[in-house]
Amino acid sequence: MVLRMKFLVTGCGSIGRRHISNLLAIGNFDIIAHDLNPDGRRKVKELFGLNAYENYEDALAEGPDTVIVATPTNEHIVPALDAAKAGCHLFIEKPVSHNTEGLAEVLSTVKEKGLITLVGCNMRFHPGLKKVKELLDMNAVGKILSADIESGSYMPEWRPGIDYKRVYSARSEMGGGVILDAIHEIDYARWMLGDVAVVSCMADKRSSLAIDVEDTADMLIRFSSGIIARLHLDYVQRPYSRNCKFVGEDGVITWDFNEGQVGLFFAQDRQWTWFKQPPDFELNQMYVDEMKHFVNCLKGIEKSTLDIFGGVEDLKIALAAKQSAKENRFISLIQ
């Protein structure tokens, strides 16, 4: 008899509830919830009929196979380590943490116990970026020379009805700031272009937003291959903007989130080819596909696209950017 997978979701905020909803939609799983906040526990009860635990140890005692860590960034390591010690596979929301404290023990435990892990960088499952990755892997525009990546949005408009000043993104003690928060862009740059050698960054709080973290950052990255990329990240831009461009010797590949399309320009014939994303695509589909991928990893069907070791590489780049901005110098990541 095949036993049903049992998931524990710790952190019942918006992303935790999204994962619960998607798990219920894609499979017949046992789901346990945990949240220190009574409001989070109440919402899980109202939406899904789940009784959420207040005590994490009591939730772990239920014997989940897998733990989904959807707590604020600065609260990832302790539940992840406790879960790993209990032999649970791990899904950890991005970024892995806000610093490297405690990471070594988590990594060694994951390795020792042979645990399956995935870090939640859902942009890897966006059809536009998947197409860009496919074209780059095909060498569609020849040798890549440079890249330009942007993500900009206005924080107060993220979640209508919720005071932006209270969310973790706005607070340094909770691991906020646009560099860590927009680690999606760092991740997919590394996914597409490989290991990073050197990071330089200028970042600051430039707006009048009532936050104590950087709201604007410009990073210059040299990859081990020699490719140079610029990443612009901000919390202030209106309208929302998310896009990238990869310049090759034989042409250009572009992606625009708002336009919902990828462009491929061939220099030889000076022609553009456009690839539209599916007309019925909805943003939640990224999260559904991400969770389906994770379940398949647990079943041994697929290999994790971003395990915790890769997530730590992303974190190192983000922390190097913060260090660069603070110390006004280039930071080498070459061992």
Foldseek 3Di string as FASTA:
>chain_A
DDDAAEEEEEDQDPVSVLLVVLDVVPDDHHYEYEYLDPVSQVVCCVPPVHRHHNDPVVRVVVPGQAYEYPHQQQPQQPSLLVCLVSNHAYEYEFQNHLDCPNVVSSVVSCVVSVHAYAYPLLVCLQVALVVVLVCLVVCVQPAWAEKEWEWEAAQVPPDPPDGSCPDLQQEVVRNHAFLRVVLSRVLSCCVRPNAWFKKAKAWACDDPDPGDYTFWMWMWTQGPVRYIYIYITGNRDPPTWTKMWIDHPQWIWIDTPVQQWIWTAGNVVRDIDIDHDPPPDDPSVSVSVQVVQSVCVVVVNDGHPAGNVNSVSSSVNSVQHVVNNVVVDMDTPDD
